[in-house]
């Protein structure tokens, strides 16, 4: 009988270390061709779309995640895991928690692979679910001594800082302007819904690592080309998905085309990552297809102890 998981069970069972570890294995598997992860597909339905991402860990499982763009207040994602030998549905996850933890886990892997080993301060622009899981995962791979948060809402940024202090045990404070969250930080997270730049590259210090989670496309991006211009290292979790974006992702357009490296390749030792302490690295997150299913498979093992 298939296992069914909702957000409360996922939150209770999937800690940051488990999530980051699973995403690290997934990225290497995708780079080596063991995880088949094609770009997402979408079906226009009039007023919105159904979007599907799928993956196949060869010989083990296959599955998909589906969601819609109608914008309904109770809209939820669905993740389904099939046994590759029998086709039987092994598990289903409903809600938002698995997907956001997956994205956070990918960001945590990027921080671990690309940020300086001594990185200890983090600035985040954004205060929503995606911003939280990025900080949650980063705290699992680096010993953070301070988190500084900015978002447009004073109440939300104050609440975010309070949550960091309460749940992660890391000193945190809110600031009123984005530059104050970015300048001098070892790690910067961009996790907004903004279609226009929310930071200036001039505020990014040498040696900083940046995780960019929100829009990153031509004429619709939370950062500008000035960030790409100062970056010594541009990395993504899925080059195939990066070139499939519509409108195009900024990092695949000239003069940046050809500079974008595969995070899985960095992890596998086939592609160079950071080589000096003063390099600026930028991770352009696409949400590697199949990783929600990969994480659901991990959940079926760790979640057994909570049932």
Protein backbone atom coordinates (compact mmCIF):
# COMPACT_ATOMS: atom_id res chain seq x y z
CA UNK A 1 0.00 0.00 0.00
CA UNK A 2 1.32 3.43 -0.94
CA UNK A 3 2.52 5.72 1.85
CA UNK A 4 0.88 9.15 2.02
CA UNK A 5 2.71 12.15 3.44
CA UNK A 6 1.34 15.61 4.22
CA UNK A 7 3.28 18.71 5.25
CA UNK A 8 3.31 18.08 9.04
CA UNK A 9 4.77 14.57 8.61
CA UNK A 10 7.36 15.80 6.11
CA UNK A 11 8.44 18.64 8.41
CA UNK A 12 8.79 16.24 11.33
CA UNK A 13 10.80 13.61 9.45
CA UNK A 14 13.07 15.52 7.05
CA UNK A 15 15.82 17.45 8.82
CA UNK A 16 18.29 19.66 6.99
CA UNK A 17 21.21 17.24 7.09
CA UNK A 18 19.15 14.38 5.63
CA UNK A 19 17.79 16.67 2.93
CA UNK A 20 21.17 18.12 1.92
CA UNK A 21 22.75 14.66 1.86
CA UNK A 22 19.98 13.33 -0.41
CA UNK A 23 20.32 16.27 -2.80
CA UNK A 24 24.09 15.83 -2.96
CA UNK A 25 23.64 12.21 -4.03
CA UNK A 26 20.95 13.24 -6.54
CA UNK A 27 23.16 15.87 -8.18
CA UNK A 28 26.02 13.43 -8.69
CA UNK A 29 23.60 10.78 -9.99
CA UNK A 30 22.21 13.26 -12.52
CA UNK A 31 25.69 14.29 -13.65
CA UNK A 32 26.71 10.64 -14.09
CA UNK A 33 23.51 9.79 -15.99
CA UNK A 34 22.02 7.49 -13.35
CA UNK A 35 19.24 9.98 -12.61
CA UNK A 36 17.35 10.80 -15.79
CA UNK A 37 16.02 14.33 -15.27
CA UNK A 38 14.57 16.03 -18.37
CA UNK A 39 13.42 19.68 -18.31
CA UNK A 40 9.92 20.35 -17.03
CA UNK A 41 6.84 20.07 -19.21
CA UNK A 42 3.75 22.27 -19.07
CA UNK A 43 0.19 22.04 -20.37
CA UNK A 44 -1.69 25.34 -20.89
CA UNK A 45 -5.23 25.04 -19.54
CA UNK A 46 -6.62 28.53 -20.04
CA UNK A 47 -5.89 30.93 -17.22
CA UNK A 48 -3.12 28.71 -15.90
CA UNK A 49 -0.90 25.73 -16.60
CA UNK A 50 -0.26 22.29 -15.17
CA UNK A 51 3.48 21.82 -14.80
CA UNK A 52 5.21 18.46 -14.42
CA UNK A 53 8.80 17.54 -13.58
CA UNK A 54 9.84 13.90 -13.71
CA UNK A 55 12.82 11.75 -12.88
CA UNK A 56 14.02 8.15 -13.10
CA UNK A 57 16.75 6.69 -10.91
CA UNK A 58 17.61 3.86 -13.26
CA UNK A 59 16.65 0.46 -11.88
CA UNK A 60 15.25 1.91 -8.64
CA UNK A 61 12.29 4.24 -9.09
CA UNK A 62 10.62 6.80 -11.29
CA UNK A 63 8.10 9.49 -10.52
CA UNK A 64 6.97 13.05 -10.93
CA UNK A 65 5.95 16.27 -9.27
CA UNK A 66 2.98 18.26 -10.54
CA UNK A 67 1.69 21.72 -9.69
CA UNK A 68 -0.41 24.43 -11.29
CA UNK A 69 -0.02 28.15 -11.93
CA UNK A 70 -3.64 29.17 -11.36
CA UNK A 71 -2.66 30.90 -8.13
CA UNK A 72 -5.42 29.43 -5.97
CA UNK A 73 -4.93 30.05 -2.24
CA UNK A 74 -5.17 26.33 -1.45
CA UNK A 75 -3.15 25.09 -4.43
CA UNK A 76 -0.84 22.19 -3.54
CA UNK A 77 1.92 20.20 -5.18
CA UNK A 78 1.76 16.46 -5.71
CA UNK A 79 4.81 14.17 -5.74
CA UNK A 80 4.43 10.51 -6.72
CA UNK A 81 7.07 7.77 -6.36
CA UNK A 82 6.81 4.54 -8.41
CA UNK A 83 8.83 1.35 -7.99
CA UNK A 84 10.87 0.96 -11.21
CA UNK A 85 10.63 -2.84 -11.10
CA UNK A 86 6.87 -3.20 -10.70
CA UNK A 87 5.40 0.21 -11.51
CA UNK A 88 3.56 0.24 -8.19
CA UNK A 89 3.10 3.58 -6.45
CA UNK A 90 5.28 3.47 -3.34
CA UNK A 91 4.57 6.90 -1.90
CA UNK A 92 2.68 10.16 -2.46
CA UNK A 93 3.40 13.56 -0.92
CA UNK A 94 0.84 16.38 -0.95
CA UNK A 95 1.59 19.98 -0.03
CA UNK A 96 4.44 22.46 -0.23
CA UNK A 97 6.92 21.22 2.36
CA UNK A 98 8.70 18.56 0.31
CA UNK A 99 9.30 20.90 -2.64
CA UNK A 100 10.60 23.77 -0.54
CA UNK A 101 12.88 21.53 1.48
CA UNK A 102 14.16 20.04 -1.78
CA UNK A 103 15.03 23.52 -3.08
CA UNK A 104 16.63 24.42 0.23
CA UNK A 105 18.63 21.19 0.14
CA UNK A 106 19.97 21.98 -3.33
CA UNK A 107 20.97 25.41 -2.04
CA UNK A 108 22.67 23.80 0.94
CA UNK A 109 24.72 21.59 -1.36
CA UNK A 110 25.73 24.67 -3.37
CA UNK A 111 26.82 26.48 -0.21
CA UNK A 112 28.80 23.46 0.95
CA UNK A 113 30.51 23.02 -2.43
CA UNK A 114 31.10 26.66 -3.39
CA UNK A 115 31.21 28.92 -0.33
CA UNK A 116 34.46 29.43 1.52
CA UNK A 117 35.03 26.78 4.22
CA UNK A 118 35.13 29.54 6.84
CA UNK A 119 31.92 31.24 5.66
CA UNK A 120 29.97 32.19 8.79
CA UNK A 121 27.74 35.18 7.99
CA UNK A 122 24.66 35.00 5.80
CA UNK A 123 22.52 37.74 4.30
CA UNK A 124 19.10 36.89 2.89
CA UNK A 125 16.76 39.00 0.80
CA UNK A 126 13.29 37.50 1.12
CA UNK A 127 11.31 36.18 4.05
CA UNK A 128 9.08 33.49 2.61
CA UNK A 129 9.16 29.70 2.56
CA UNK A 130 12.00 29.48 0.04
CA UNK A 131 14.13 31.99 1.95
CA UNK A 132 13.63 29.98 5.12
CA UNK A 133 14.67 26.61 3.69
CA UNK A 134 17.78 28.15 2.12
CA UNK A 135 18.93 29.45 5.51
CA UNK A 136 17.82 26.20 7.21
CA UNK A 137 19.99 24.15 4.84
CA UNK A 138 22.95 26.56 4.91
CA UNK A 139 23.03 26.27 8.70
CA UNK A 140 23.48 22.51 8.29
CA UNK A 141 26.68 22.86 6.24
CA UNK A 142 28.32 25.95 7.79
CA UNK A 143 28.64 27.12 11.39
CA UNK A 144 26.76 30.39 11.02
CA UNK A 145 27.39 33.11 13.55
CA UNK A 146 24.95 35.68 12.11
CA UNK A 147 22.00 35.91 9.72
CA UNK A 148 20.83 39.31 8.44
CA UNK A 149 17.48 39.50 6.64
CA UNK A 150 15.76 42.09 4.48
CA UNK A 151 12.33 41.98 2.92
CA UNK A 152 9.81 44.66 1.98
CA UNK A 153 7.61 43.90 4.98
CA UNK A 154 9.09 45.00 8.31
CA UNK A 155 6.81 42.58 10.16
CA UNK A 156 7.82 39.62 8.01
CA UNK A 157 11.55 40.30 8.21
CA UNK A 158 11.34 40.73 11.98
CA UNK A 159 9.42 37.45 12.25
CA UNK A 160 11.96 35.71 10.02
CA UNK A 161 14.87 36.86 12.18
CA UNK A 162 13.03 35.71 15.30
CA UNK A 163 12.47 32.28 13.73
CA UNK A 164 16.16 31.93 12.87
CA UNK A 165 17.07 32.69 16.47
CA UNK A 166 14.43 30.33 17.88
CA UNK A 167 14.74 27.33 15.53
CA UNK A 168 18.35 27.46 14.34
CA UNK A 169 19.95 29.02 17.40
CA UNK A 170 21.79 31.55 15.23
CA UNK A 171 21.93 35.28 16.06
CA UNK A 172 19.78 37.10 13.51
CA UNK A 173 18.56 40.62 12.83
CA UNK A 174 16.37 42.39 10.31
CA UNK A 175 17.48 45.41 8.27
CA UNK A 176 15.48 48.01 6.36
CA UNK A 177 17.51 48.13 3.12
CA UNK A 178 18.80 45.28 0.94
CA UNK A 179 22.39 46.51 0.82
CA UNK A 180 22.67 46.19 4.59
CA UNK A 181 21.82 42.49 4.30
CA UNK A 182 24.40 41.88 1.58
CA UNK A 183 27.51 43.96 2.26
CA UNK A 184 30.23 42.06 4.05
CA UNK A 185 28.36 38.73 4.13
CA UNK A 186 30.09 35.46 3.30
CA UNK A 187 26.90 33.92 1.90
CA UNK A 188 23.99 35.76 0.24
CA UNK A 189 20.60 34.24 -0.50
CA UNK A 190 18.18 35.82 -2.98
CA UNK A 191 14.75 34.25 -2.55
CA UNK A 192 12.13 36.75 -3.66
CA UNK A 193 9.24 36.99 -6.10
CA UNK A 194 10.68 40.18 -7.59
CA UNK A 195 10.94 40.50 -11.37
CA UNK A 196 13.43 43.37 -10.99
CA UNK A 197 16.86 43.39 -9.29
CA UNK A 198 16.84 43.52 -5.49
CA UNK A 199 20.59 43.86 -5.01
CA UNK A 200 23.52 45.72 -6.51
CA UNK A 201 26.62 43.76 -7.41
CA UNK A 202 28.64 46.60 -5.89
CA UNK A 203 27.32 45.49 -2.48
CA UNK A 204 28.68 41.94 -2.91
CA UNK A 205 32.06 41.55 -1.23
CA UNK A 206 34.99 39.55 -2.65
CA UNK A 207 34.80 35.93 -1.54
CA UNK A 208 31.00 35.90 -1.29
CA UNK A 209 28.88 33.00 -2.45
CA UNK A 210 25.38 33.84 -3.77
CA UNK A 211 22.41 31.46 -4.01
CA UNK A 212 19.83 32.87 -6.45
CA UNK A 213 16.48 31.11 -6.06
CA UNK A 214 13.92 33.49 -7.61
CA UNK A 215 13.44 34.77 -11.16
CA UNK A 216 16.68 34.86 -13.15
CA UNK A 217 15.49 35.39 -16.72
CA UNK A 218 15.86 38.07 -19.36
CA UNK A 219 13.65 41.05 -18.39
CA UNK A 220 12.45 39.12 -15.31
CA UNK A 221 15.14 38.64 -12.70
CA UNK A 222 15.79 39.37 -9.03
CA UNK A 223 19.40 40.24 -9.95
CA UNK A 224 20.96 42.12 -12.84
CA UNK A 225 23.75 41.29 -15.24
CA UNK A 226 26.06 43.30 -12.98
CA UNK A 227 26.09 40.28 -10.63
CA UNK A 228 27.05 37.96 -13.48
CA UNK A 229 29.76 40.40 -14.55
CA UNK A 230 31.51 40.25 -11.16
CA UNK A 231 31.07 36.48 -10.73
CA UNK A 232 34.20 34.37 -11.07
CA UNK A 233 32.15 31.18 -10.98
CA UNK A 234 28.64 30.58 -12.35
CA UNK A 235 27.04 27.26 -11.41
CA UNK A 236 23.62 25.63 -11.82
CA UNK A 237 22.02 22.38 -10.74
CA UNK A 238 20.76 21.62 -14.25
CA UNK A 239 22.39 23.03 -17.40
CA UNK A 240 19.67 21.35 -19.48
CA UNK A 241 16.92 23.16 -17.60
CA UNK A 242 18.88 26.42 -17.66
CA UNK A 243 18.89 26.52 -21.46
CA UNK A 244 15.22 25.51 -21.57
CA UNK A 245 13.94 28.58 -19.68
CA UNK A 246 11.48 30.88 -21.42
CA UNK A 247 12.29 33.76 -21.36
CA UNK A 248 15.96 32.70 -21.43
CA UNK A 249 17.99 32.57 -18.24
CA UNK A 250 20.42 35.48 -18.09
CA UNK A 251 23.38 33.17 -17.43
CA UNK A 252 22.96 31.31 -20.75
CA UNK A 253 22.95 34.47 -22.87
CA UNK A 254 26.08 36.12 -24.34
CA UNK A 255 28.58 36.97 -22.97
CA UNK A 256 27.90 34.42 -20.20
CA UNK A 257 27.02 31.45 -22.41
CA UNK A 258 29.54 28.70 -21.88
CA UNK A 259 30.50 29.88 -18.39
CA UNK A 260 27.72 28.05 -16.55
CA UNK A 261 29.06 24.97 -14.74
CA UNK A 262 27.23 21.88 -13.52
CA UNK A 263 27.06 21.59 -9.72
CA UNK A 264 26.96 17.80 -10.08
CA UNK A 265 30.21 17.99 -12.02
CA UNK A 266 31.80 20.08 -9.28
CA UNK A 267 30.72 17.49 -6.70
CA UNK A 268 32.05 14.64 -8.85
CA UNK A 269 35.43 16.36 -9.17
CA UNK A 270 35.08 16.65 -12.94
CA UNK A 271 34.51 20.43 -13.01
CA UNK A 272 36.49 22.98 -10.97
CA UNK A 273 34.69 24.90 -8.25
CA UNK A 274 36.07 27.68 -6.06
CA UNK A 275 39.85 27.89 -6.29
CA UNK A 276 40.64 31.04 -4.28
CA UNK A 277 39.15 32.66 -1.20
CA UNK A 278 38.36 35.97 -2.92
CA UNK A 279 36.32 34.54 -5.80
CA UNK A 280 32.63 35.45 -6.08
CA UNK A 281 30.50 32.40 -6.86
CA UNK A 282 26.86 32.46 -7.99
CA UNK A 283 24.54 29.45 -7.90
CA UNK A 284 21.60 29.80 -10.30
CA UNK A 285 19.05 27.36 -8.92
CA UNK A 286 16.72 25.78 -11.46
CA UNK A 287 15.28 23.00 -9.29
CA UNK A 288 16.78 19.89 -10.89
CA UNK A 289 13.91 17.69 -12.12
CA UNK A 290 13.41 14.43 -10.28
CA UNK A 291 14.85 15.71 -7.01
CA UNK A 292 11.47 15.97 -5.30
CA UNK A 293 10.96 12.29 -6.08
CA UNK A 294 14.51 11.58 -4.92
CA UNK A 295 13.72 13.26 -1.62
CA UNK A 296 10.40 11.42 -1.31
CA UNK A 297 12.31 8.15 -1.69
CA UNK A 298 14.62 9.24 1.15
CA UNK A 299 11.58 10.21 3.20
CA UNK A 300 10.12 6.70 2.91
CA UNK A 301 13.18 5.45 4.77
CA UNK A 302 13.65 8.11 7.45
CA UNK A 303 9.91 8.59 7.82
CA UNK A 304 9.36 4.99 8.81
CA UNK A 305 10.73 5.78 12.27
CA UNK A 306 8.15 8.53 12.80
CA UNK A 307 5.09 6.45 11.90
